[in-house]
N, C-alpha and C. Protein backbone atom coordinates (compact mmCIF):
# COMPACT_ATOMS: atom_id res chain seq x y z
N GLN A 1 111.53 60.73 96.11
CA GLN A 1 112.64 61.43 95.80
C GLN A 1 112.70 62.21 94.93
N ARG A 2 112.91 61.38 93.41
CA ARG A 2 113.47 61.94 92.14
C ARG A 2 112.43 63.18 91.92
N ILE A 3 111.16 62.70 92.03
CA ILE A 3 110.03 63.89 91.59
C ILE A 3 110.39 65.43 92.27
N LEU A 4 110.49 65.00 93.65
CA LEU A 4 110.40 66.28 94.62
C LEU A 4 111.67 67.41 94.13
N ARG A 5 112.96 66.35 93.92
CA ARG A 5 114.31 67.05 93.34
C ARG A 5 113.88 67.65 91.79
N LEU A 6 112.93 67.04 91.22
CA LEU A 6 112.59 67.19 90.05
C LEU A 6 111.95 68.78 90.01
N ALA A 7 111.20 68.34 90.88
CA ALA A 7 109.81 69.81 91.28
C ALA A 7 111.02 70.90 91.81
N GLU A 8 111.92 71.03 92.51
CA GLU A 8 112.52 72.23 93.01
C GLU A 8 113.62 72.16 91.55
N MET A 9 113.80 71.78 90.76
CA MET A 9 114.63 72.14 89.59
C MET A 9 113.51 73.08 88.78
N CYS A 10 112.37 72.26 88.57
CA CYS A 10 111.34 73.29 87.91
C CYS A 10 110.96 74.50 88.54
N ARG A 11 111.20 74.31 89.65
CA ARG A 11 110.61 75.84 90.38
C ARG A 11 111.21 77.23 89.83
N ARG A 12 112.47 76.76 89.13
CA ARG A 12 113.37 77.93 88.42
C ARG A 12 112.65 78.49 87.06
N LEU A 13 112.11 77.29 86.64
CA LEU A 13 111.40 77.83 85.09
C LEU A 13 109.73 78.09 85.34
N GLU A 14 109.51 78.02 86.38
CA GLU A 14 108.22 78.38 86.70
C GLU A 14 107.64 80.35 85.91
N THR A 15 106.71 80.55 85.92
CA THR A 15 106.09 81.75 85.12
C THR A 15 105.78 82.74 86.51
N GLU A 16 105.73 84.04 86.13
CA GLU A 16 105.74 85.02 87.00
C GLU A 16 104.07 84.34 87.97
N GLU A 17 103.36 84.28 86.73
CA GLU A 17 101.86 83.85 87.21
C GLU A 17 101.75 82.63 88.23
N GLU A 18 102.97 81.40 87.72
CA GLU A 18 102.73 80.44 88.42
C GLU A 18 103.29 80.69 89.99
N LYS A 19 104.39 81.42 90.16
CA LYS A 19 105.02 82.00 91.21
C LYS A 19 104.26 83.05 92.20
N VAL A 20 103.33 83.41 91.64
CA VAL A 20 102.25 84.67 92.20
C VAL A 20 101.07 84.18 92.37
N LEU A 21 100.49 83.07 91.98
CA LEU A 21 99.25 82.17 92.15
C LEU A 21 99.65 80.82 92.15
N PRO A 22 100.32 79.94 93.03
CA PRO A 22 100.41 78.51 92.88
C PRO A 22 99.67 77.59 93.18
N PHE A 23 98.45 78.00 93.57
CA PHE A 23 97.47 77.69 94.31
C PHE A 23 96.29 77.72 92.79
N TYR A 24 95.65 76.41 92.42
CA TYR A 24 95.00 76.38 91.19
C TYR A 24 93.42 76.32 92.08
N PRO A 25 92.32 77.25 91.69
CA PRO A 25 91.17 77.07 92.17
C PRO A 25 90.56 75.83 92.08
N SER A 26 89.58 75.29 93.14
CA SER A 26 89.11 74.15 93.21
C SER A 26 87.86 74.27 92.78
N SER A 27 87.41 73.29 92.22
CA SER A 27 86.08 72.68 91.49
C SER A 27 84.96 72.38 92.14
N LEU A 28 85.10 72.23 93.82
CA LEU A 28 84.68 71.67 94.68
C LEU A 28 83.95 72.57 94.95
N ALA A 29 82.66 72.59 95.76
CA ALA A 29 81.71 73.39 96.46
C ALA A 29 82.16 73.39 98.22
N GLU A 30 82.07 74.58 98.84
CA GLU A 30 82.52 74.80 99.64
C GLU A 30 82.37 73.62 100.63
N TRP A 31 80.88 72.69 100.81
CA TRP A 31 80.37 71.78 101.76
C TRP A 31 81.57 70.62 101.47
N GLU A 32 81.46 70.32 100.16
CA GLU A 32 82.82 69.00 99.43
C GLU A 32 84.24 69.75 100.24
N GLN A 33 84.54 70.72 99.91
CA GLN A 33 85.85 71.01 100.45
C GLN A 33 86.10 70.88 102.20
N GLU A 34 84.88 71.45 102.67
CA GLU A 34 84.93 70.75 104.21
C GLU A 34 84.85 69.16 104.31
N LYS A 35 84.47 68.69 103.71
CA LYS A 35 84.38 67.32 104.07
C LYS A 35 85.34 66.69 103.11
N ALA A 36 86.42 67.06 102.71
CA ALA A 36 87.53 66.67 102.32
C ALA A 36 88.61 66.97 103.34
N ARG A 37 88.47 67.87 103.70
CA ARG A 37 89.26 68.17 104.93
C ARG A 37 89.28 67.25 106.03
N ARG A 38 87.74 67.34 106.62
CA ARG A 38 87.62 66.32 107.72
C ARG A 38 88.20 64.83 107.28
N VAL A 39 87.98 64.53 105.87
CA VAL A 39 88.46 63.13 105.83
C VAL A 39 90.06 62.95 106.02
N LEU A 40 90.68 63.92 105.43
CA LEU A 40 91.81 63.87 105.54
C LEU A 40 92.69 63.87 107.03
N GLU A 41 91.31 64.63 107.81
CA GLU A 41 91.93 64.40 109.21
C GLU A 41 92.04 63.80 110.12
N GLU A 42 91.02 62.90 109.54
CA GLU A 42 90.77 61.55 110.63
C GLU A 42 92.05 60.74 110.55
N THR A 43 91.92 59.84 111.40
CA THR A 43 93.26 58.88 111.51
C THR A 43 92.57 57.61 110.51
N ALA A 44 93.43 57.05 109.63
CA ALA A 44 93.55 56.18 108.80
C ALA A 44 93.42 54.83 109.18
N SER A 45 92.55 53.81 109.11
CA SER A 45 92.47 52.47 109.53
C SER A 45 93.30 51.69 108.70
N GLU A 46 92.76 51.73 107.50
CA GLU A 46 93.31 51.08 106.33
C GLU A 46 94.75 51.40 105.92
N PRO A 47 95.67 50.00 105.73
CA PRO A 47 96.89 50.34 105.51
C PRO A 47 97.49 50.98 104.47
N LEU A 48 96.60 50.76 103.26
CA LEU A 48 96.87 51.52 102.22
C LEU A 48 96.88 53.22 102.15
N ALA A 49 95.13 53.69 103.18
CA ALA A 49 95.08 54.99 103.52
C ALA A 49 96.28 55.31 104.31
N ARG A 50 96.94 54.70 105.26
CA ARG A 50 97.88 55.36 105.99
C ARG A 50 99.27 55.38 105.09
N VAL A 51 99.45 54.66 104.01
CA VAL A 51 100.18 54.69 103.24
C VAL A 51 100.19 56.46 102.00
N MET A 52 99.21 56.50 102.06
CA MET A 52 98.88 57.41 101.25
C MET A 52 98.99 58.56 101.53
N LYS A 53 98.85 58.92 102.98
CA LYS A 53 99.16 59.95 104.14
C LYS A 53 100.38 60.95 103.31
N ASP A 54 101.77 59.37 103.66
CA ASP A 54 103.28 60.20 103.26
C ASP A 54 102.96 60.65 101.83
N TYR A 55 101.97 60.78 100.98
CA TYR A 55 102.32 61.09 99.74
C TYR A 55 101.18 62.65 99.69
N VAL A 56 100.84 62.69 100.52
CA VAL A 56 100.07 64.42 100.73
C VAL A 56 101.12 65.32 100.23
N GLY A 57 102.42 65.58 100.24
CA GLY A 57 103.18 66.20 99.83
C GLY A 57 103.25 66.46 98.24
N LEU A 58 102.93 65.38 97.61
CA LEU A 58 102.79 65.29 96.34
C LEU A 58 101.76 65.79 95.57
N GLU A 59 100.85 66.39 96.20
CA GLU A 59 99.68 67.16 95.86
C GLU A 59 99.57 68.05 94.54
N ARG A 60 100.76 68.97 95.16
CA ARG A 60 101.26 70.30 94.34
C ARG A 60 101.52 69.93 93.29
N PHE A 61 102.29 68.84 92.96
CA PHE A 61 102.76 68.13 91.81
C PHE A 61 101.94 67.98 90.82
N TRP A 62 101.09 66.84 91.70
CA TRP A 62 99.44 66.11 90.53
C TRP A 62 98.87 67.61 89.77
N GLN A 63 99.02 68.10 90.84
CA GLN A 63 97.94 69.71 90.53
C GLN A 63 98.58 70.30 88.89
N ARG A 64 100.20 70.63 89.34
CA ARG A 64 100.71 70.77 88.00
C ARG A 64 100.57 69.80 87.04
N PHE A 65 100.86 68.58 86.89
CA PHE A 65 101.14 67.94 86.33
C PHE A 65 99.95 67.51 85.71
N ASN A 66 98.32 67.70 86.20
CA ASN A 66 97.37 67.61 85.36
C ASN A 66 97.33 68.89 84.78
N LYS A 67 97.55 70.31 85.43
CA LYS A 67 97.14 71.29 84.73
C LYS A 67 98.12 71.20 83.19
N ALA A 68 99.14 70.55 83.53
CA ALA A 68 100.13 70.60 82.06
C ALA A 68 99.70 69.83 81.23
N LYS A 69 98.91 68.62 81.34
CA LYS A 69 97.97 67.53 80.56
C LYS A 69 97.35 68.35 79.96
N LEU A 70 96.45 68.94 80.71
CA LEU A 70 95.14 70.02 79.99
C LEU A 70 95.79 70.86 79.19
N GLU A 71 96.59 71.94 79.39
CA GLU A 71 97.04 72.57 78.60
C GLU A 71 97.72 71.64 77.66
N GLU A 72 98.15 70.48 77.26
CA GLU A 72 98.87 69.98 76.20
C GLU A 72 97.51 69.46 75.40
N LYS A 73 96.82 68.95 75.77
CA LYS A 73 95.23 68.66 75.09
C LYS A 73 94.95 69.49 74.39
N GLY A 74 94.87 71.09 75.41
CA GLY A 74 94.19 72.32 74.93
C GLY A 74 94.82 72.22 73.39
N MET A 75 96.12 72.71 73.48
CA MET A 75 97.14 72.75 72.51
C MET A 75 96.88 71.99 71.19
N GLU A 76 97.03 70.62 71.84
CA GLU A 76 96.49 69.55 70.64
C GLU A 76 95.48 69.86 70.05
N ARG A 77 94.44 70.12 70.08
CA ARG A 77 93.13 70.51 69.62
C ARG A 77 93.07 72.10 68.70
N ALA A 78 93.58 72.59 69.36
CA ALA A 78 94.05 74.36 68.91
C ALA A 78 94.81 73.92 67.48
N ARG A 79 96.01 73.13 67.71
CA ARG A 79 96.79 72.49 66.59
C ARG A 79 95.58 72.05 65.50
N ALA A 80 94.71 71.05 65.64
CA ALA A 80 93.97 70.45 64.61
C ALA A 80 93.47 71.60 64.33
N ALA A 81 92.42 72.58 64.99
CA ALA A 81 91.63 73.25 64.56
C ALA A 81 92.36 74.28 63.44
N LEU A 82 93.59 74.79 63.70
CA LEU A 82 94.53 75.49 62.86
C LEU A 82 94.68 74.90 61.66
N ALA A 83 94.98 73.47 61.80
CA ALA A 83 95.09 72.32 60.51
C ALA A 83 93.79 72.70 59.47
N ASP A 84 93.02 72.30 60.37
CA ASP A 84 91.58 72.22 59.46
C ASP A 84 91.40 73.49 58.71
N ARG A 85 91.64 74.62 59.43
CA ARG A 85 91.37 76.09 58.66
C ARG A 85 92.50 76.10 57.40
N ASN A 86 93.51 75.53 58.16
CA ASN A 86 94.59 75.87 57.08
C ASN A 86 94.28 75.40 55.54
N GLN A 87 93.90 74.00 55.71
CA GLN A 87 93.34 73.16 54.79
C GLN A 87 92.46 74.07 54.18
N ASP A 88 91.23 74.29 54.54
CA ASP A 88 89.93 75.26 54.14
C ASP A 88 90.70 76.47 53.23
N LEU A 89 91.72 77.28 53.75
CA LEU A 89 92.00 77.94 53.05
C LEU A 89 93.09 77.77 51.85
N ARG A 90 93.77 76.90 52.15
CA ARG A 90 94.47 76.02 51.03
C ARG A 90 93.49 75.72 49.67
N ARG A 91 92.29 75.16 49.77
CA ARG A 91 91.16 74.66 49.15
C ARG A 91 90.69 75.84 48.20
N LEU A 92 89.98 77.03 48.95
CA LEU A 92 89.70 77.98 48.49
C LEU A 92 90.76 78.83 47.63
N LEU A 93 92.14 78.86 48.36
CA LEU A 93 92.74 79.60 47.47
C LEU A 93 93.44 78.50 46.17
N GLN A 94 93.35 77.18 45.93
CA GLN A 94 93.16 76.81 44.67
C GLN A 94 91.92 77.03 43.57
N GLN A 95 91.10 77.05 44.13
CA GLN A 95 89.75 77.21 43.95
C GLN A 95 89.92 78.66 43.22
N TYR A 96 90.06 79.40 43.70
CA TYR A 96 90.54 80.94 43.40
C TYR A 96 91.54 80.87 42.07
N LEU A 97 92.74 80.10 42.36
CA LEU A 97 93.63 80.09 41.04
C LEU A 97 92.99 79.29 39.78
N ALA A 98 92.21 78.16 40.27
CA ALA A 98 91.70 77.96 39.01
C ALA A 98 90.87 78.54 38.61
N GLY A 99 89.70 79.57 38.97
CA GLY A 99 89.02 80.54 38.24
C GLY A 99 89.81 81.58 37.51
N ALA A 100 90.81 81.73 38.11
CA ALA A 100 91.59 83.05 37.49
C ALA A 100 92.10 82.28 36.27
N THR A 101 92.65 80.88 36.36
CA THR A 101 93.35 80.55 35.03
C THR A 101 92.12 79.93 34.01
N VAL A 102 91.01 79.60 34.27
CA VAL A 102 89.89 79.36 33.16
C VAL A 102 89.88 80.92 32.70
N ASN A 103 89.35 81.94 33.42
CA ASN A 103 89.37 83.62 33.03
C ASN A 103 90.36 83.81 31.71
N GLN A 104 91.44 83.87 32.26
CA GLN A 104 92.56 83.79 31.14
C GLN A 104 92.45 83.26 29.78
N LYS A 105 91.92 81.81 30.15
CA LYS A 105 91.81 81.11 28.59
C LYS A 105 90.82 81.63 27.94
N VAL A 106 89.52 82.24 28.47
CA VAL A 106 88.44 82.69 27.62
C VAL A 106 88.88 83.64 26.82
N PRO A 107 88.45 83.86 25.71
CA PRO A 107 89.02 84.44 24.88
C PRO A 107 88.08 85.93 25.05
N LYS A 108 88.78 86.79 24.30
CA LYS A 108 88.60 88.26 24.60
C LYS A 108 87.07 88.44 23.86
N ASP A 109 86.91 87.99 22.60
CA ASP A 109 85.87 88.22 21.35
C ASP A 109 84.33 87.27 22.17
N LEU A 110 83.60 88.08 22.51
CA LEU A 110 82.40 87.85 22.81
C LEU A 110 81.67 86.80 22.00
N HIS A 111 82.02 86.68 20.58
CA HIS A 111 81.40 86.00 19.95
C HIS A 111 82.49 84.67 19.62
N PRO A 112 83.05 84.31 19.98
CA PRO A 112 84.21 83.09 19.27
C PRO A 112 83.82 82.26 18.20
N LEU A 113 82.44 81.88 17.85
CA LEU A 113 82.03 81.19 17.25
C LEU A 113 81.17 81.89 15.69
C-alpha cells in the first residue's frame, strides 16, 4: 500500500513524455509476448504463483524502477567518461603551460654560448 501511495504521489512529478507514453516497449518477440499472456491467464496451481497474481498491479512500478536504475547507471557511466575527459584536458593544459614556461626561459640570442 505504501508503494502504491508513493506511486500516486510521483504521478504528479512525471514528465510529459512519461504521461503521454506510460508504457515502455517490450524487448520480447511477438510470439514470446503471446506465450507470456497465455501463462498469465492460466490458473495458478502453486501457492507462490497464486500470491504473485496479487502483485501484477506492481508491474508498472517495477518498469519505472528498472528504467530509473538504468538511467542512473547510464548517468554514472557518462559522469565517469566526463571525468576521464576532464583529466585528459587538464593534462594537456599542464603540458601546454609547461611548454610555454620553457619557451619564455630560452634566451632570445640564437647562440648563447
